[in-house]
Amino acid sequence: MQMALTPPIAAYACYPHQFPLPVPLWPGLTAILAAIGLVCLGGALFSGYIALASWQSLGRYSKDTSNGQPSIQEDEGQARFLAMLGMMSSFVFTIAILFNTFAVLLIRSCSAWL
């Protein structure tokens, strides 16, 4: 979501017509882009929390009384795999969102690349 929203907003604010602007159209462009980054960061952290809670709830096995081994449901391995995949992807997205948000905060808006 962050990569779908911030580039078009920043592009329009800095290059609305045929010539680039030295300053953005909106004075609060950095705050707008940072707010988008923080909302996306919250979503990534929340999804990581949900995946972690799911993985922890699947980790509670019931002991089989006949042989003392944990009984695993037929589809529990798949659910544990998907929960672990959710935690790992949430971590990767959190890092990517942080890097993009720091770039918005550290690089001056409408600055020339050269």
N, C-alpha and C. Protein backbone atom coordinates (compact mmCIF):
# COMPACT_ATOMS: atom_id res chain seq x y z
N MET A 1 0.82 -1.18 0.00
CA MET A 1 0.00 0.00 0.00
C MET A 1 0.87 1.25 0.00
N GLN A 2 1.95 1.21 0.77
CA GLN A 2 2.82 2.37 0.85
C GLN A 2 3.43 2.67 -0.51
N MET A 3 3.89 1.65 -1.20
CA MET A 3 4.52 1.87 -2.51
C MET A 3 3.49 2.22 -3.59
N ALA A 4 2.24 1.92 -3.35
CA ALA A 4 1.20 2.29 -4.31
C ALA A 4 0.70 3.72 -4.09
N LEU A 5 0.85 4.24 -2.88
CA LEU A 5 0.34 5.58 -2.58
C LEU A 5 1.40 6.67 -2.62
N THR A 6 2.55 6.44 -2.01
CA THR A 6 3.50 7.54 -1.86
C THR A 6 4.14 8.02 -3.16
N PRO A 7 4.55 7.17 -4.10
CA PRO A 7 5.14 7.73 -5.33
C PRO A 7 4.20 8.61 -6.15
N PRO A 8 2.93 8.22 -6.35
CA PRO A 8 2.06 9.13 -7.11
C PRO A 8 1.78 10.44 -6.39
N ILE A 9 1.63 10.38 -5.07
CA ILE A 9 1.38 11.62 -4.32
C ILE A 9 2.60 12.54 -4.39
N ALA A 10 3.78 11.97 -4.18
CA ALA A 10 5.00 12.78 -4.23
C ALA A 10 5.26 13.28 -5.65
N ALA A 11 4.97 12.47 -6.65
CA ALA A 11 5.19 12.90 -8.04
C ALA A 11 4.27 14.06 -8.40
N TYR A 12 3.01 13.98 -8.00
CA TYR A 12 2.10 15.08 -8.33
C TYR A 12 2.45 16.34 -7.56
N ALA A 13 2.88 16.18 -6.30
CA ALA A 13 3.21 17.35 -5.49
C ALA A 13 4.46 18.07 -6.01
N CYS A 14 5.37 17.34 -6.64
CA CYS A 14 6.62 17.94 -7.10
C CYS A 14 6.65 18.21 -8.61
N TYR A 15 5.78 17.58 -9.35
CA TYR A 15 5.81 17.71 -10.81
C TYR A 15 4.37 17.69 -11.33
N PRO A 16 3.56 18.70 -10.99
CA PRO A 16 2.15 18.66 -11.38
C PRO A 16 1.89 18.93 -12.86
N HIS A 17 2.76 19.67 -13.50
CA HIS A 17 2.55 20.02 -14.90
C HIS A 17 3.78 19.60 -15.69
N GLN A 18 4.28 20.43 -16.58
CA GLN A 18 5.41 20.04 -17.42
C GLN A 18 6.76 20.37 -16.81
N PHE A 19 6.81 21.16 -15.76
CA PHE A 19 8.09 21.55 -15.17
C PHE A 19 8.11 21.19 -13.69
N PRO A 20 9.23 20.68 -13.19
CA PRO A 20 9.30 20.34 -11.77
C PRO A 20 9.29 21.59 -10.89
N LEU A 21 8.76 21.43 -9.71
CA LEU A 21 8.70 22.53 -8.75
C LEU A 21 9.88 22.45 -7.78
N PRO A 22 10.38 23.59 -7.30
CA PRO A 22 11.46 23.55 -6.30
C PRO A 22 10.97 23.12 -4.92
N VAL A 23 9.70 23.39 -4.62
CA VAL A 23 9.09 22.98 -3.35
C VAL A 23 7.76 22.28 -3.69
N PRO A 24 7.29 21.39 -2.85
CA PRO A 24 6.04 20.69 -3.14
C PRO A 24 4.83 21.62 -3.12
N LEU A 25 3.78 21.19 -3.79
CA LEU A 25 2.52 21.95 -3.80
C LEU A 25 1.95 22.09 -2.39
N TRP A 26 2.06 21.03 -1.61
CA TRP A 26 1.52 21.03 -0.26
C TRP A 26 2.66 21.16 0.74
N PRO A 27 2.54 22.09 1.68
CA PRO A 27 3.63 22.27 2.65
C PRO A 27 3.81 21.05 3.57
N GLY A 28 2.78 20.29 3.78
CA GLY A 28 2.87 19.14 4.67
C GLY A 28 3.08 17.82 3.96
N LEU A 29 3.75 17.86 2.80
CA LEU A 29 3.94 16.63 2.03
C LEU A 29 4.71 15.58 2.81
N THR A 30 5.76 15.98 3.50
CA THR A 30 6.55 15.03 4.28
C THR A 30 5.70 14.40 5.38
N ALA A 31 4.86 15.18 6.02
CA ALA A 31 3.99 14.65 7.08
C ALA A 31 2.96 13.68 6.50
N ILE A 32 2.44 13.99 5.33
CA ILE A 32 1.47 13.10 4.69
C ILE A 32 2.12 11.76 4.36
N LEU A 33 3.31 11.80 3.76
CA LEU A 33 4.00 10.57 3.39
C LEU A 33 4.44 9.79 4.62
N ALA A 34 4.85 10.49 5.66
CA ALA A 34 5.23 9.81 6.90
C ALA A 34 4.02 9.16 7.56
N ALA A 35 2.87 9.82 7.50
CA ALA A 35 1.65 9.25 8.08
C ALA A 35 1.24 7.99 7.33
N ILE A 36 1.36 8.00 6.01
CA ILE A 36 1.07 6.79 5.23
C ILE A 36 2.02 5.67 5.65
N GLY A 37 3.29 6.00 5.84
CA GLY A 37 4.26 5.00 6.27
C GLY A 37 3.95 4.45 7.64
N LEU A 38 3.53 5.30 8.57
CA LEU A 38 3.20 4.83 9.91
C LEU A 38 1.95 3.96 9.93
N VAL A 39 0.96 4.30 9.12
CA VAL A 39 -0.24 3.46 9.04
C VAL A 39 0.12 2.09 8.47
N CYS A 40 0.95 2.07 7.44
CA CYS A 40 1.38 0.79 6.85
C CYS A 40 2.24 0.00 7.83
N LEU A 41 3.07 0.69 8.59
CA LEU A 41 3.88 0.01 9.61
C LEU A 41 2.99 -0.61 10.68
N GLY A 42 1.96 0.10 11.08
CA GLY A 42 1.01 -0.46 12.04
C GLY A 42 0.31 -1.69 11.50
N GLY A 43 -0.06 -1.66 10.22
CA GLY A 43 -0.69 -2.84 9.61
C GLY A 43 0.25 -4.03 9.55
N ALA A 44 1.51 -3.78 9.23
CA ALA A 44 2.49 -4.87 9.16
C ALA A 44 2.74 -5.45 10.54
N LEU A 45 2.85 -4.60 11.56
CA LEU A 45 3.06 -5.10 12.92
C LEU A 45 1.84 -5.86 13.43
N PHE A 46 0.66 -5.37 13.10
CA PHE A 46 -0.57 -6.06 13.52
C PHE A 46 -0.68 -7.43 12.86
N SER A 47 -0.37 -7.50 11.58
CA SER A 47 -0.43 -8.82 10.91
C SER A 47 0.62 -9.76 11.47
N GLY A 48 1.79 -9.24 11.85
CA GLY A 48 2.79 -10.07 12.49
C GLY A 48 2.33 -10.59 13.84
N TYR A 49 1.63 -9.74 14.58
CA TYR A 49 1.08 -10.15 15.87
C TYR A 49 0.04 -11.25 15.69
N ILE A 50 -0.82 -11.11 14.70
CA ILE A 50 -1.83 -12.14 14.45
C ILE A 50 -1.17 -13.46 14.06
N ALA A 51 -0.14 -13.40 13.21
CA ALA A 51 0.56 -14.62 12.81
C ALA A 51 1.26 -15.26 14.00
N LEU A 52 1.87 -14.45 14.87
CA LEU A 52 2.53 -14.98 16.06
C LEU A 52 1.53 -15.63 17.01
N ALA A 53 0.40 -14.99 17.21
CA ALA A 53 -0.63 -15.56 18.08
C ALA A 53 -1.17 -16.87 17.51
N SER A 54 -1.32 -16.93 16.20
CA SER A 54 -1.78 -18.16 15.56
C SER A 54 -0.75 -19.27 15.71
N TRP A 55 0.53 -18.92 15.52
CA TRP A 55 1.59 -19.92 15.65
C TRP A 55 1.70 -20.43 17.08
N GLN A 56 1.56 -19.53 18.05
CA GLN A 56 1.63 -19.95 19.45
C GLN A 56 0.43 -20.81 19.84
N SER A 57 -0.74 -20.49 19.31
CA SER A 57 -1.91 -21.30 19.66
C SER A 57 -1.82 -22.70 19.04
N LEU A 58 -1.16 -22.81 17.91
CA LEU A 58 -0.98 -24.13 17.30
C LEU A 58 0.12 -24.92 17.99
N GLY A 59 0.97 -24.27 18.77
CA GLY A 59 2.06 -24.95 19.44
C GLY A 59 1.64 -25.71 20.67
N ARG A 60 0.41 -25.54 21.09
CA ARG A 60 -0.09 -26.23 22.29
C ARG A 60 -0.67 -27.57 21.86
N TYR A 61 0.14 -28.59 22.00
CA TYR A 61 -0.31 -29.93 21.63
C TYR A 61 -1.02 -30.59 22.80
N SER A 62 -1.89 -31.49 22.46
CA SER A 62 -2.50 -32.33 23.50
C SER A 62 -1.74 -33.65 23.52
N LYS A 63 -1.38 -34.07 24.70
CA LYS A 63 -0.61 -35.31 24.83
C LYS A 63 -1.51 -36.51 24.57
N ASP A 64 -0.98 -37.44 23.79
CA ASP A 64 -1.68 -38.69 23.55
C ASP A 64 -1.39 -39.60 24.74
N THR A 65 -2.42 -40.11 25.36
CA THR A 65 -2.22 -40.90 26.57
C THR A 65 -1.64 -42.28 26.28
N SER A 66 -1.78 -42.79 25.07
CA SER A 66 -1.31 -44.15 24.80
C SER A 66 0.21 -44.24 24.71
N ASN A 67 0.88 -43.28 24.05
CA ASN A 67 2.34 -43.38 23.91
C ASN A 67 3.08 -42.15 24.42
N GLY A 68 2.41 -41.16 24.97
CA GLY A 68 3.07 -39.99 25.53
C GLY A 68 3.58 -39.00 24.49
N GLN A 69 3.33 -39.23 23.23
CA GLN A 69 3.77 -38.34 22.16
C GLN A 69 2.69 -37.30 21.87
N PRO A 70 3.10 -36.12 21.42
CA PRO A 70 2.08 -35.12 21.07
C PRO A 70 1.28 -35.57 19.85
N SER A 71 -0.02 -35.41 19.94
CA SER A 71 -0.85 -35.77 18.80
C SER A 71 -0.97 -34.57 17.88
N ILE A 72 -0.69 -34.76 16.62
CA ILE A 72 -0.72 -33.69 15.63
C ILE A 72 -1.89 -33.96 14.69
N GLN A 73 -2.71 -32.96 14.54
CA GLN A 73 -3.82 -33.09 13.61
C GLN A 73 -3.28 -33.18 12.19
N GLU A 74 -4.09 -33.64 11.29
CA GLU A 74 -3.65 -33.86 9.92
C GLU A 74 -3.23 -32.56 9.23
N ASP A 75 -3.95 -31.50 9.44
CA ASP A 75 -3.64 -30.23 8.77
C ASP A 75 -2.90 -29.25 9.67
N GLU A 76 -2.47 -29.67 10.85
CA GLU A 76 -1.81 -28.75 11.77
C GLU A 76 -0.43 -28.34 11.26
N GLY A 77 0.28 -29.22 10.60
CA GLY A 77 1.58 -28.87 10.04
C GLY A 77 1.46 -27.77 9.01
N GLN A 78 0.44 -27.85 8.19
CA GLN A 78 0.21 -26.82 7.18
C GLN A 78 -0.13 -25.49 7.84
N ALA A 79 -0.95 -25.52 8.88
CA ALA A 79 -1.33 -24.29 9.57
C ALA A 79 -0.11 -23.67 10.26
N ARG A 80 0.75 -24.49 10.86
CA ARG A 80 1.96 -23.98 11.49
C ARG A 80 2.89 -23.36 10.45
N PHE A 81 3.00 -24.01 9.29
CA PHE A 81 3.82 -23.46 8.21
C PHE A 81 3.29 -22.10 7.76
N LEU A 82 1.99 -21.99 7.58
CA LEU A 82 1.41 -20.72 7.13
C LEU A 82 1.56 -19.63 8.19
N ALA A 83 1.46 -20.00 9.47
CA ALA A 83 1.65 -19.02 10.53
C ALA A 83 3.11 -18.54 10.55
N MET A 84 4.05 -19.46 10.38
CA MET A 84 5.47 -19.08 10.35
C MET A 84 5.76 -18.22 9.12
N LEU A 85 5.17 -18.56 7.99
CA LEU A 85 5.33 -17.76 6.78
C LEU A 85 4.77 -16.35 6.99
N GLY A 86 3.65 -16.25 7.69
CA GLY A 86 3.07 -14.95 8.00
C GLY A 86 3.98 -14.12 8.89
N MET A 87 4.62 -14.75 9.86
CA MET A 87 5.55 -14.01 10.73
C MET A 87 6.77 -13.53 9.95
N MET A 88 7.31 -14.39 9.10
CA MET A 88 8.50 -14.01 8.34
C MET A 88 8.19 -12.92 7.33
N SER A 89 7.07 -13.02 6.64
CA SER A 89 6.73 -11.98 5.66
C SER A 89 6.39 -10.67 6.36
N SER A 90 5.78 -10.73 7.53
CA SER A 90 5.52 -9.51 8.28
C SER A 90 6.82 -8.83 8.68
N PHE A 91 7.82 -9.61 9.06
CA PHE A 91 9.13 -9.05 9.42
C PHE A 91 9.76 -8.36 8.21
N VAL A 92 9.72 -9.01 7.05
CA VAL A 92 10.32 -8.44 5.84
C VAL A 92 9.60 -7.16 5.44
N PHE A 93 8.28 -7.17 5.48
CA PHE A 93 7.52 -5.98 5.12
C PHE A 93 7.73 -4.85 6.12
N THR A 94 7.88 -5.19 7.40
CA THR A 94 8.14 -4.16 8.41
C THR A 94 9.47 -3.46 8.13
N ILE A 95 10.50 -4.23 7.80
CA ILE A 95 11.81 -3.65 7.49
C ILE A 95 11.71 -2.77 6.24
N ALA A 96 11.02 -3.25 5.20
CA ALA A 96 10.89 -2.47 3.96
C ALA A 96 10.12 -1.18 4.21
N ILE A 97 9.07 -1.24 4.99
CA ILE A 97 8.29 -0.04 5.29
C ILE A 97 9.12 0.96 6.10
N LEU A 98 9.91 0.46 7.04
CA LEU A 98 10.78 1.34 7.81
C LEU A 98 11.79 2.05 6.91
N PHE A 99 12.43 1.30 6.00
CA PHE A 99 13.39 1.92 5.09
C PHE A 99 12.73 2.98 4.22
N ASN A 100 11.55 2.69 3.68
CA ASN A 100 10.85 3.67 2.85
C ASN A 100 10.43 4.90 3.65
N THR A 101 9.99 4.69 4.88
CA THR A 101 9.58 5.83 5.71
C THR A 101 10.78 6.69 6.09
N PHE A 102 11.91 6.05 6.41
CA PHE A 102 13.11 6.83 6.72
C PHE A 102 13.59 7.60 5.49
N ALA A 103 13.45 7.02 4.31
CA ALA A 103 13.84 7.73 3.09
C ALA A 103 12.98 8.98 2.90
N VAL A 104 11.69 8.87 3.18
CA VAL A 104 10.80 10.04 3.08
C VAL A 104 11.22 11.12 4.07
N LEU A 105 11.62 10.70 5.27
CA LEU A 105 11.97 11.67 6.30
C LEU A 105 13.36 12.27 6.10
N LEU A 106 14.27 11.54 5.49
CA LEU A 106 15.65 12.01 5.37
C LEU A 106 15.97 12.74 4.07
N ILE A 107 15.21 12.46 3.01
CA ILE A 107 15.47 13.09 1.72
C ILE A 107 14.51 14.25 1.54
N ARG A 108 15.05 15.38 1.14
CA ARG A 108 14.24 16.58 0.96
C ARG A 108 13.25 16.37 -0.18
N SER A 109 12.02 16.81 0.01
CA SER A 109 10.99 16.68 -1.03
C SER A 109 11.34 17.55 -2.23
N CYS A 110 11.05 17.07 -3.40
CA CYS A 110 11.27 17.76 -4.67
C CYS A 110 12.74 18.10 -4.90
N SER A 111 13.63 17.31 -4.38
CA SER A 111 15.04 17.57 -4.61
C SER A 111 15.48 16.96 -5.93
N ALA A 112 16.42 17.58 -6.57
CA ALA A 112 16.95 17.05 -7.82
C ALA A 112 17.85 15.86 -7.53
N TRP A 113 17.84 14.88 -8.41
CA TRP A 113 18.64 13.67 -8.21
C TRP A 113 20.10 13.91 -8.56
N LEU A 114 20.37 14.85 -9.42
CA LEU A 114 21.76 15.10 -9.83
C LEU A 114 22.31 16.33 -9.18
